[in-house]
Amino acid sequence: MPDAKTDLRPIDIPQLTGIYAEPLSLGKLVRLAGFFGPAAVITSLSLGAGETIMVTGLGAWSEFQLLWLLLLSVVVKGVFVTYLVGRYTAITGERIGNRLARIPGPRGWILLAVIVVEVCLLSTGLTAVAKPCGNLVAFLASDSLGGTLDFDTWQNIFTSLLLGAALSLSICTSFDRLQTQQIIICGIIVAGTMVATLMVRPDYGDLIIGAISFGHLPEVPEWGPEAAKTAYVLNLVTIFGYIGGSLSGHLVYSSWISQNGWGINSHPDIAAIRKRAMRGIDYLPNDPAQVRRLHVLLSPLRWDIGMGAIVLAIVSAAFLAAGATVLYPREQPIGGNAWELLTKQASIWRQIHAGLVPVYYVAVVAALWGTLASIPETISQVVHDFLSAIWPRFEKISVDRVKTVIALWFFGTSMVWTWTGVSFTILTALGAFFSLSLLLSIVFVCVLYFNVTLPKLYRPQWWVIGGGVASAVVLLMCAVGGAIGLYDLLAAKL
């Protein structure tokens, strides 16, 4: 390709080959399912604190009535946010960080805001995942624990050991290995939660009604958790935020699309195309045949996101059903000490059927480990991409070096949260508001604008744009509701 600074001609979209050129068949569908990978990592970010902890607690007091809220989060974040982030990079070849760096204002201001918030607050999410797991290990080992240390101290010790092990392994794990690991974990969780759901035998009629009752907000029962009674909206906004993955998870999807060569990123001259993208998207051809070819090259993106959304929906419904069927009839809410949620679930399920306990342990430990292992890789890639977009020289620093620094930072700050006894409610509410509501809504509005201002033939279909606009409205509403609720919560604590 001629020099990107002087060439003004449209590029040529390569002819379709391999799986893209094959006629539709069962074998092709199976191979297309093999594209599932990056979305598995994003999904695993949600399964730890989101499904295993918060969703079960939600079902414990609302029964099945708020399943619609969980499914809405899957659609908004697991489908539209992730898809439009990945789609922009798949169509243009430009990573989302490079495009965000050019929005009006000081160069890279929104990128720096994302980095600061994610680096400062993701350790709260790590703690919210690791400490319940430490509580569970301490509970299981309680008969063999000796000495003068009390249960809370042992809980914090196990939390520290588990978090240290997960972060240490994440430093040594490449993205390809992580992707394979998370696919296996997603399979274990889906299988385990489906088995557990069948054994618990929820009311499937109530499950369906809860899924379609959009907008219905049930009252909190008298025996319900204090967080739901005193901060109703904030409680729901926090749960909505933790379903579907983190802000970094959605943004890093752009980098993984690029690394996997999906869409235009498989073009032999992709390096020159990315240089041209810095001056504007004026290189895409208007030839209908080439436009169709590029849209076919988006197939991996659609399959990956679709399968990730299915996993999220199944696991969310299963854990909600567990809370609604096991905890709700016993009026067993998850109160102020939410660190004990995993222990409470296990002990109650044992009374129903002993066979549920090992299934439960395998599913929960897999979910928690998947989240702990994914966060360092995800945030490190985002930090590296964003700082490189602002200061190109930063690209010379390896992602692995960034990951090591961030993992050490996360471990140190998580130890502060673990040993100082900060409440679960405050930890999760802070992360949900700043990262998963406020910044996510701002970034997604930008991403939606980038997609709808592409050359006409490459813009999303009308229903995707409509879904994107509706998703942006939902995220903005969550940001407003979260701001009001968080202010009231902190004012009451001070």
Protein backbone atom coordinates (compact mmCIF):
# COMPACT_ATOMS: atom_id res chain seq x y z
CA MET A 1 0.00 0.00 0.00
CA PRO A 2 1.35 3.51 -0.79
CA ASP A 3 2.26 5.91 2.00
CA ALA A 4 -0.72 6.48 4.27
CA LYS A 5 0.01 10.23 4.39
CA THR A 6 -0.48 10.71 0.67
CA ASP A 7 -2.76 7.89 -0.46
CA LEU A 8 -6.42 8.93 -0.71
CA ARG A 9 -7.73 5.88 -2.54
CA PRO A 10 -10.18 3.48 -0.88
CA ILE A 11 -8.71 0.23 0.33
CA ASP A 12 -9.69 -3.15 -1.10
CA ILE A 13 -11.49 -5.60 1.17
CA PRO A 14 -9.87 -9.04 0.65
CA GLN A 15 -11.86 -11.84 -0.95
CA LEU A 16 -13.55 -14.19 1.49
CA THR A 17 -11.70 -17.43 2.19
CA GLY A 18 -11.86 -20.31 4.63
CA ILE A 19 -14.87 -20.48 6.91
CA TYR A 20 -16.19 -17.15 5.60
CA ALA A 21 -16.57 -18.54 2.08
CA GLU A 22 -18.18 -21.84 3.09
CA PRO A 23 -21.91 -22.42 2.54
CA LEU A 24 -24.05 -22.69 5.65
CA SER A 25 -23.88 -26.13 7.25
CA LEU A 26 -23.89 -27.76 10.66
CA GLY A 27 -20.12 -28.09 10.54
CA LYS A 28 -19.75 -24.40 9.78
CA LEU A 29 -21.99 -23.48 12.71
CA VAL A 30 -19.85 -25.58 15.03
CA ARG A 31 -16.67 -23.88 13.77
CA LEU A 32 -18.27 -20.44 14.10
CA ALA A 33 -19.00 -21.29 17.73
CA GLY A 34 -15.24 -21.72 18.08
CA PHE A 35 -14.87 -17.94 17.86
CA PHE A 36 -16.12 -17.73 21.45
CA GLY A 37 -13.16 -16.44 23.46
CA PRO A 38 -12.77 -12.71 24.20
CA ALA A 39 -16.38 -12.49 25.39
CA ALA A 40 -15.68 -15.43 27.73
CA VAL A 41 -13.07 -13.32 29.50
CA ILE A 42 -15.47 -10.37 29.76
CA THR A 43 -18.21 -12.69 31.02
CA SER A 44 -15.95 -14.14 33.70
CA LEU A 45 -15.33 -10.62 35.02
CA SER A 46 -19.02 -10.46 35.93
CA LEU A 47 -19.54 -13.96 37.28
CA GLY A 48 -17.57 -13.44 40.50
CA ALA A 49 -19.13 -10.51 42.36
CA GLY A 50 -22.12 -10.18 40.06
CA GLU A 51 -23.83 -13.54 39.75
CA THR A 52 -22.45 -15.64 42.59
CA ILE A 53 -22.81 -12.95 45.26
CA MET A 54 -25.18 -10.14 44.32
CA VAL A 55 -27.69 -12.00 42.16
CA THR A 56 -28.29 -14.72 44.73
CA GLY A 57 -28.77 -12.07 47.40
CA LEU A 58 -31.24 -10.27 45.12
CA GLY A 59 -33.32 -13.42 44.72
CA ALA A 60 -33.24 -13.95 48.48
CA TRP A 61 -35.53 -10.95 49.06
CA SER A 62 -37.19 -10.21 45.67
CA GLU A 63 -37.79 -13.84 44.66
CA PHE A 64 -38.05 -13.95 40.81
CA GLN A 65 -39.54 -10.49 40.40
CA LEU A 66 -36.34 -8.69 39.33
CA LEU A 67 -35.09 -11.20 36.75
CA TRP A 68 -36.03 -8.63 34.11
CA LEU A 69 -33.44 -6.24 35.58
CA LEU A 70 -30.67 -8.82 35.19
CA LEU A 71 -31.67 -9.63 31.62
CA LEU A 72 -31.81 -5.91 30.82
CA SER A 73 -28.24 -5.54 32.05
CA VAL A 74 -27.13 -8.48 29.88
CA VAL A 75 -28.75 -6.91 26.81
CA VAL A 76 -27.50 -3.37 27.50
CA LYS A 77 -23.91 -4.18 28.47
CA GLY A 78 -23.30 -7.74 27.36
CA VAL A 79 -24.74 -7.10 23.90
CA PHE A 80 -25.03 -3.46 22.79
CA VAL A 81 -22.10 -1.88 24.66
CA THR A 82 -19.65 -4.68 23.89
CA TYR A 83 -20.83 -5.10 20.31
CA LEU A 84 -20.59 -1.43 19.36
CA VAL A 85 -17.15 -1.10 20.93
CA GLY A 86 -15.91 -4.16 19.03
CA ARG A 87 -17.77 -3.25 15.85
CA TYR A 88 -16.04 0.10 15.49
CA THR A 89 -12.62 -1.55 15.60
CA ALA A 90 -13.71 -4.43 13.34
CA ILE A 91 -14.98 -1.96 10.71
CA THR A 92 -12.22 0.66 10.86
CA GLY A 93 -9.17 -1.15 12.24
CA GLU A 94 -8.77 1.63 14.82
CA ARG A 95 -8.74 0.77 18.51
CA ILE A 96 -11.34 2.57 20.56
CA GLY A 97 -8.71 4.26 22.74
CA ASN A 98 -7.15 6.00 19.74
CA ARG A 99 -10.56 7.32 18.69
CA LEU A 100 -11.48 8.46 22.21
CA ALA A 101 -8.18 10.34 22.39
CA ARG A 102 -9.44 12.67 19.62
CA ILE A 103 -12.71 13.77 21.21
CA PRO A 104 -12.94 17.52 22.03
CA GLY A 105 -11.04 18.78 25.06
CA PRO A 106 -7.51 18.18 26.34
CA ARG A 107 -6.02 15.21 24.51
CA GLY A 108 -6.87 11.94 26.19
CA TRP A 109 -8.81 13.44 29.11
CA ILE A 110 -11.45 10.72 29.04
CA LEU A 111 -8.79 8.01 28.72
CA LEU A 112 -7.00 9.34 31.81
CA ALA A 113 -10.32 9.46 33.69
CA VAL A 114 -10.95 5.80 32.86
CA ILE A 115 -7.44 4.78 33.93
CA VAL A 116 -7.60 6.66 37.23
CA VAL A 117 -11.05 5.36 38.18
CA GLU A 118 -10.37 1.77 37.15
CA VAL A 119 -6.95 1.55 38.79
CA CYS A 120 -8.22 3.16 41.99
CA LEU A 121 -11.53 1.34 42.30
CA LEU A 122 -11.05 -2.11 40.77
CA SER A 123 -9.32 -3.26 43.94
CA THR A 124 -12.68 -2.75 45.70
CA GLY A 125 -14.20 -5.18 43.23
CA LEU A 126 -11.36 -7.65 43.79
CA THR A 127 -11.96 -7.48 47.52
CA ALA A 128 -15.69 -7.96 47.06
CA VAL A 129 -14.91 -11.18 45.15
CA ALA A 130 -11.99 -12.49 47.20
CA LYS A 131 -13.29 -11.93 50.73
CA PRO A 132 -16.44 -14.06 50.43
CA CYS A 133 -14.21 -16.79 49.00
CA GLY A 134 -11.83 -16.39 51.98
CA ASN A 135 -14.84 -16.62 54.27
CA LEU A 136 -15.91 -19.84 52.59
CA VAL A 137 -12.44 -21.42 52.91
CA ALA A 138 -12.23 -20.41 56.58
CA PHE A 139 -15.67 -21.93 57.17
CA LEU A 140 -14.70 -25.21 55.51
CA ALA A 141 -11.43 -25.38 57.44
CA SER A 142 -12.85 -24.16 60.76
CA ASP A 143 -12.58 -27.56 62.45
CA SER A 144 -8.84 -27.78 61.80
CA LEU A 145 -7.91 -24.17 62.57
CA GLY A 146 -6.07 -23.91 65.85
CA GLY A 147 -4.35 -21.19 67.81
CA THR A 148 -5.75 -18.02 69.29
CA LEU A 149 -6.84 -16.33 66.07
CA ASP A 150 -10.54 -15.62 65.67
CA PHE A 151 -12.63 -16.46 62.61
CA ASP A 152 -12.44 -12.95 61.11
CA THR A 153 -8.64 -13.04 61.20
CA TRP A 154 -8.55 -16.45 59.50
CA GLN A 155 -11.03 -15.15 56.93
CA ASN A 156 -8.71 -12.25 56.09
CA ILE A 157 -5.66 -14.54 55.97
CA PHE A 158 -7.31 -16.87 53.46
CA THR A 159 -8.56 -13.90 51.45
CA SER A 160 -5.01 -12.54 51.26
CA LEU A 161 -3.58 -15.92 50.22
CA LEU A 162 -6.22 -16.55 47.56
CA LEU A 163 -5.91 -13.06 46.10
CA GLY A 164 -2.12 -13.24 46.11
CA ALA A 165 -2.18 -16.61 44.31
CA ALA A 166 -4.66 -15.41 41.68
CA LEU A 167 -2.74 -12.18 40.98
CA SER A 168 0.61 -14.02 40.86
CA LEU A 169 -0.69 -16.51 38.30
CA SER A 170 -2.30 -13.75 36.26
CA ILE A 171 1.12 -12.11 35.83
CA CYS A 172 2.46 -15.31 34.25
CA THR A 173 -0.61 -16.02 32.10
CA SER A 174 -0.79 -14.85 28.47
CA PHE A 175 -4.05 -13.67 26.94
CA ASP A 176 -4.32 -16.84 24.83
CA ARG A 177 -4.04 -19.04 27.93
CA LEU A 178 -6.44 -16.82 29.84
CA GLN A 179 -8.94 -17.01 27.00
CA THR A 180 -8.80 -20.82 26.98
CA GLN A 181 -9.05 -20.94 30.77
CA GLN A 182 -12.09 -18.68 30.82
CA ILE A 183 -13.89 -20.72 28.15
CA ILE A 184 -13.44 -23.80 30.35
CA ILE A 185 -14.60 -21.85 33.42
CA CYS A 186 -17.70 -20.61 31.58
CA GLY A 187 -18.50 -24.20 30.63
CA ILE A 188 -18.09 -25.40 34.23
CA ILE A 189 -20.27 -22.60 35.58
CA VAL A 190 -23.05 -23.08 33.03
CA ALA A 191 -23.10 -26.85 33.59
CA GLY A 192 -22.91 -26.52 37.37
CA THR A 193 -25.60 -23.86 37.67
CA MET A 194 -27.95 -25.74 35.35
CA VAL A 195 -27.53 -28.94 37.40
CA ALA A 196 -28.07 -27.02 40.64
CA THR A 197 -31.15 -25.28 39.23
CA LEU A 198 -32.70 -28.60 38.18
CA MET A 199 -32.06 -30.05 41.64
CA VAL A 200 -33.50 -27.00 43.43
CA ARG A 201 -36.57 -27.13 41.15
CA PRO A 202 -37.63 -23.47 40.98
CA ASP A 203 -41.10 -22.41 39.87
CA TYR A 204 -40.49 -21.98 36.13
CA GLY A 205 -43.74 -20.08 35.70
CA ASP A 206 -42.60 -17.44 38.19
CA LEU A 207 -39.22 -17.41 36.46
CA ILE A 208 -40.86 -16.53 33.12
CA ILE A 209 -43.10 -13.90 34.70
CA GLY A 210 -40.08 -12.30 36.38
CA ALA A 211 -38.24 -12.22 33.05
CA ILE A 212 -40.99 -10.30 31.24
CA SER A 213 -42.18 -7.97 34.04
CA PHE A 214 -40.09 -5.02 32.81
CA GLY A 215 -40.27 -2.02 35.12
CA HIS A 216 -41.85 -3.85 38.04
CA LEU A 217 -40.13 -2.94 41.32
CA PRO A 218 -41.24 -5.16 44.22
CA GLU A 219 -41.40 -3.97 47.79
CA VAL A 220 -38.71 -5.11 50.19
CA PRO A 221 -40.17 -7.50 52.80
CA GLU A 222 -39.87 -6.60 56.47
CA TRP A 223 -37.17 -9.21 56.92
CA GLY A 224 -35.28 -8.01 53.82
CA PRO A 225 -31.68 -6.75 53.87
CA GLU A 226 -31.05 -3.30 55.31
CA ALA A 227 -29.23 -2.15 52.14
CA ALA A 228 -32.33 -2.78 50.04
CA LYS A 229 -34.65 -1.10 52.53
CA THR A 230 -32.61 2.05 53.12
CA ALA A 231 -31.00 2.49 49.68
CA TYR A 232 -33.39 0.77 47.28
CA VAL A 233 -32.36 2.48 44.04
CA LEU A 234 -28.64 2.38 44.81
CA ASN A 235 -28.92 -1.32 45.61
CA LEU A 236 -30.53 -2.07 42.25
CA VAL A 237 -28.13 0.21 40.33
CA THR A 238 -25.16 -1.54 41.95
CA ILE A 239 -26.45 -4.98 40.99
CA PHE A 240 -27.24 -3.78 37.47
CA GLY A 241 -23.70 -2.42 37.20
CA TYR A 242 -21.94 -5.60 38.25
CA ILE A 243 -23.83 -7.78 35.76
CA GLY A 244 -22.20 -7.94 32.34
CA GLY A 245 -18.58 -7.13 33.13
CA SER A 246 -16.47 -4.10 34.05
CA LEU A 247 -15.80 -0.89 32.15
CA SER A 248 -12.30 -2.15 31.32
CA GLY A 249 -13.80 -5.41 30.09
CA HIS A 250 -15.94 -3.61 27.53
CA LEU A 251 -13.14 -1.30 26.41
CA VAL A 252 -10.47 -4.00 26.14
CA TYR A 253 -12.74 -5.88 23.73
CA SER A 254 -11.55 -3.46 21.04
CA SER A 255 -7.95 -4.56 21.59
CA TRP A 256 -8.85 -8.24 21.49
CA ILE A 257 -10.78 -7.76 18.24
CA SER A 258 -7.63 -6.21 16.82
CA GLN A 259 -5.34 -8.96 18.13
CA ASN A 260 -7.59 -11.74 16.80
CA GLY A 261 -7.69 -10.17 13.34
CA TRP A 262 -11.49 -9.97 13.14
CA GLY A 263 -13.16 -7.76 10.57
CA ILE A 264 -10.84 -5.45 8.68
CA ASN A 265 -8.04 -6.28 11.12
CA SER A 266 -7.21 -9.32 8.97
CA HIS A 267 -6.25 -6.99 6.08
CA PRO A 268 -2.62 -7.48 4.99
CA ASP A 269 -2.04 -3.70 5.14
CA ILE A 270 -3.72 -3.15 8.50
CA ALA A 271 -0.76 -1.17 9.90
CA ALA A 272 -1.10 1.44 7.15
CA ILE A 273 -4.89 1.46 7.55
CA ARG A 274 -4.54 2.30 11.23
CA LYS A 275 -2.28 5.22 10.37
CA ARG A 276 -4.89 6.51 7.93
CA ALA A 277 -7.58 6.15 10.60
CA MET A 278 -5.82 8.79 12.67
CA ARG A 279 -6.76 11.35 9.98
CA GLY A 280 -10.33 10.16 9.60
CA ILE A 281 -12.27 7.17 8.24
CA ASP A 282 -12.09 8.04 4.53
CA TYR A 283 -10.62 4.83 3.17
CA LEU A 284 -13.56 2.40 3.22
CA PRO A 285 -14.76 1.44 -0.31
CA ASN A 286 -18.27 2.21 -1.59
CA ASP A 287 -18.45 -0.88 -3.78
CA PRO A 288 -21.48 -2.93 -2.55
CA ALA A 289 -19.65 -6.25 -3.02
CA GLN A 290 -16.77 -5.11 -0.82
CA VAL A 291 -19.16 -3.72 1.77
CA ARG A 292 -20.88 -7.11 1.97
CA ARG A 293 -17.52 -8.85 2.35
CA LEU A 294 -16.57 -6.68 5.32
CA HIS A 295 -19.92 -7.32 6.98
CA VAL A 296 -19.36 -11.08 6.59
CA LEU A 297 -15.99 -10.63 8.31
CA LEU A 298 -17.90 -9.40 11.37
CA SER A 299 -19.27 -12.92 11.96
CA PRO A 300 -16.73 -13.81 14.71
CA LEU A 301 -17.73 -10.67 16.60
CA ARG A 302 -21.43 -11.54 16.51
CA TRP A 303 -20.89 -15.17 17.51
CA ASP A 304 -18.52 -14.30 20.33
CA ILE A 305 -20.81 -11.67 21.87
CA GLY A 306 -23.94 -13.76 21.35
CA MET A 307 -22.48 -16.75 23.17
CA GLY A 308 -21.17 -14.55 25.98
CA ALA A 309 -24.64 -13.04 26.44
CA ILE A 310 -26.20 -16.51 26.55
CA VAL A 311 -23.77 -17.59 29.29
CA LEU A 312 -24.52 -14.44 31.30
CA ALA A 313 -28.29 -14.87 30.95
CA ILE A 314 -28.22 -18.56 31.96
CA VAL A 315 -25.96 -18.05 34.97
CA SER A 316 -27.84 -14.93 36.13
CA ALA A 317 -31.19 -16.72 35.98
CA ALA A 318 -29.74 -19.79 37.74
CA PHE A 319 -28.25 -17.89 40.68
CA LEU A 320 -31.37 -15.76 41.06
CA ALA A 321 -33.44 -18.96 41.07
CA ALA A 322 -31.17 -20.36 43.78
CA GLY A 323 -31.72 -17.33 45.99
CA ALA A 324 -35.45 -17.24 45.29
CA THR A 325 -36.00 -20.97 45.85
CA VAL A 326 -33.54 -21.67 48.67
CA LEU A 327 -33.27 -18.45 50.69
CA TYR A 328 -36.53 -16.59 50.11
CA PRO A 329 -38.89 -19.22 51.66
CA ARG A 330 -36.67 -19.29 54.75
CA GLU A 331 -36.72 -15.49 54.97
CA GLN A 332 -32.94 -15.67 54.86
CA PRO A 333 -31.73 -12.33 53.45
CA ILE A 334 -28.13 -11.39 52.88
CA GLY A 335 -27.65 -8.72 55.51
CA GLY A 336 -24.81 -6.44 56.51
CA ASN A 337 -22.16 -9.18 56.50
CA ALA A 338 -22.43 -10.14 52.83
CA TRP A 339 -19.02 -11.81 53.08
CA GLU A 340 -20.88 -14.80 54.54
CA LEU A 341 -23.16 -15.25 51.56
CA LEU A 342 -21.29 -18.23 50.10
CA THR A 343 -21.20 -19.95 53.49
CA LYS A 344 -24.92 -19.37 54.07
CA GLN A 345 -25.82 -20.74 50.65
CA ALA A 346 -23.75 -23.88 51.13
CA SER A 347 -25.12 -24.67 54.59
CA ILE A 348 -28.74 -24.16 53.54
CA TRP A 349 -28.36 -26.15 50.32
CA ARG A 350 -26.89 -29.04 52.33
CA GLN A 351 -30.16 -29.26 54.25
CA ILE A 352 -32.09 -29.59 50.98
CA HIS A 353 -29.84 -32.11 49.25
CA ALA A 354 -26.24 -33.07 50.03
CA GLY A 355 -25.56 -33.46 46.31
CA LEU A 356 -26.03 -29.73 45.81
CA VAL A 357 -23.04 -28.75 47.92
CA PRO A 358 -20.18 -30.03 45.73
CA VAL A 359 -21.92 -28.73 42.59
CA TYR A 360 -22.29 -25.38 44.28
CA TYR A 361 -18.65 -25.26 45.42
CA VAL A 362 -17.29 -26.10 41.97
CA ALA A 363 -19.45 -23.48 40.22
CA VAL A 364 -18.75 -20.74 42.74
CA VAL A 365 -15.00 -21.31 43.05
CA ALA A 366 -14.70 -21.40 39.25
CA ALA A 367 -16.63 -18.14 38.95
CA LEU A 368 -14.61 -16.38 41.63
CA TRP A 369 -11.28 -17.60 40.30
CA GLY A 370 -12.23 -16.58 36.76
CA THR A 371 -12.92 -13.02 37.91
CA LEU A 372 -9.75 -12.71 39.97
CA ALA A 373 -7.62 -14.04 37.10
CA SER A 374 -9.19 -11.82 34.42
CA ILE A 375 -9.02 -8.39 36.02
CA PRO A 376 -5.21 -7.83 35.84
CA GLU A 377 -5.01 -8.84 32.16
CA THR A 378 -8.00 -6.68 31.29
CA ILE A 379 -7.01 -3.48 33.06
CA SER A 380 -3.35 -3.82 32.01
CA GLN A 381 -4.28 -3.98 28.34
CA VAL A 382 -6.58 -0.97 28.71
CA VAL A 383 -3.93 1.08 30.55
CA HIS A 384 -1.30 0.19 27.96
CA ASP A 385 -3.56 1.00 24.99
CA PHE A 386 -4.86 4.24 26.46
CA LEU A 387 -1.49 5.60 27.54
CA SER A 388 -0.07 4.64 24.14
CA ALA A 389 -2.92 6.55 22.46
CA ILE A 390 -2.03 9.64 24.49
CA TRP A 391 1.77 9.26 24.39
CA PRO A 392 2.82 6.99 21.46
CA ARG A 393 6.24 6.37 23.06
CA PHE A 394 4.54 4.43 25.85
CA GLU A 395 3.84 1.64 23.34
CA LYS A 396 7.47 0.56 23.70
CA ILE A 397 6.73 -0.58 27.26
CA SER A 398 5.45 -4.16 27.32
CA VAL A 399 1.96 -5.04 28.51
CA ASP A 400 3.48 -7.66 30.83
CA ARG A 401 5.48 -4.97 32.63
CA VAL A 402 2.33 -2.89 33.09
CA LYS A 403 0.49 -6.00 34.34
CA THR A 404 3.11 -6.67 37.01
CA VAL A 405 2.89 -3.13 38.37
CA ILE A 406 -0.91 -3.16 38.39
CA ALA A 407 -1.11 -6.59 40.04
CA LEU A 408 1.16 -5.40 42.85
CA TRP A 409 -0.93 -2.25 43.23
CA PHE A 410 -4.15 -4.24 43.34
CA PHE A 411 -2.78 -6.61 45.95
CA GLY A 412 -1.60 -3.78 48.20
CA THR A 413 -4.82 -1.75 48.01
CA SER A 414 -7.00 -4.84 48.35
CA MET A 415 -5.18 -5.71 51.55
CA VAL A 416 -6.19 -2.30 52.92
CA TRP A 417 -9.86 -2.96 52.10
CA THR A 418 -9.64 -6.53 53.43
CA TRP A 419 -8.07 -5.80 56.80
CA THR A 420 -9.75 -2.47 57.62
CA GLY A 421 -13.25 -3.95 57.56
CA VAL A 422 -14.88 -1.59 55.06
CA SER A 423 -18.48 -2.68 54.42
CA PHE A 424 -19.45 -4.70 51.39
CA THR A 425 -22.18 -2.19 50.51
CA ILE A 426 -19.84 0.80 50.32
CA LEU A 427 -17.16 -1.11 48.38
CA THR A 428 -19.54 -2.30 45.69
CA ALA A 429 -21.55 0.94 45.51
CA LEU A 430 -18.44 3.07 44.87
CA GLY A 431 -17.22 0.83 42.06
CA ALA A 432 -20.66 0.48 40.51
CA PHE A 433 -21.31 4.22 40.39
CA PHE A 434 -18.01 5.66 39.19
CA SER A 435 -16.90 2.88 36.85
CA LEU A 436 -19.99 0.92 35.82
CA SER A 437 -22.53 3.77 35.65
CA LEU A 438 -20.98 7.22 35.27
CA LEU A 439 -17.91 6.57 33.13
CA LEU A 440 -19.48 3.71 31.21
CA SER A 441 -22.43 5.89 30.18
CA ILE A 442 -20.12 8.70 29.00
CA VAL A 443 -17.83 6.35 27.08
CA PHE A 444 -20.74 4.49 25.49
CA VAL A 445 -22.37 7.69 24.25
CA CYS A 446 -19.06 8.45 22.51
CA VAL A 447 -18.85 4.92 21.06
CA LEU A 448 -22.42 5.14 19.78
CA TYR A 449 -21.59 8.45 18.09
CA PHE A 450 -18.49 6.95 16.46
CA ASN A 451 -20.56 4.14 14.95
CA VAL A 452 -23.43 6.28 13.62
CA THR A 453 -21.02 8.76 12.00
CA LEU A 454 -19.17 6.13 9.97
CA PRO A 455 -19.59 6.27 6.18
CA LYS A 456 -23.25 5.52 5.45
CA LEU A 457 -22.77 2.00 4.09
CA TYR A 458 -20.87 0.96 7.24
CA ARG A 459 -23.22 2.28 9.91
CA PRO A 460 -25.09 -0.20 12.13
CA GLN A 461 -28.59 -1.28 11.14
CA TRP A 462 -31.47 0.84 12.40
CA TRP A 463 -32.43 -1.61 15.15
CA VAL A 464 -28.86 -1.73 16.45
CA ILE A 465 -28.77 2.08 16.57
CA GLY A 466 -32.16 2.10 18.32
CA GLY A 467 -30.98 -0.47 20.85
CA GLY A 468 -27.80 1.53 21.36
CA VAL A 469 -29.72 4.73 22.05
CA ALA A 470 -32.04 2.94 24.48
CA SER A 471 -29.00 1.38 26.19
CA ALA A 472 -27.36 4.80 26.54
CA VAL A 473 -30.53 6.15 28.16
CA VAL A 474 -30.62 3.24 30.63
CA LEU A 475 -26.96 3.76 31.56
CA LEU A 476 -27.47 7.50 32.06
CA MET A 477 -30.49 6.81 34.29
CA CYS A 478 -28.36 4.42 36.33
CA ALA A 479 -25.67 7.09 36.68
CA VAL A 480 -28.20 9.65 37.98
CA GLY A 481 -29.87 7.16 40.32
CA GLY A 482 -26.50 5.93 41.55
CA ALA A 483 -25.25 9.46 42.24
CA ILE A 484 -28.29 10.30 44.36
CA GLY A 485 -28.23 6.98 46.20
CA LEU A 486 -24.47 7.10 46.87
CA TYR A 487 -24.72 10.64 48.22
CA ASP A 488 -27.48 9.63 50.61
CA LEU A 489 -25.55 6.51 51.70
CA LEU A 490 -22.29 8.37 52.43
CA ALA A 491 -24.16 11.22 54.14
CA ALA A 492 -25.80 8.73 56.47
CA LYS A 493 -22.45 7.09 57.26
CA LEU A 494 -20.64 10.36 58.03
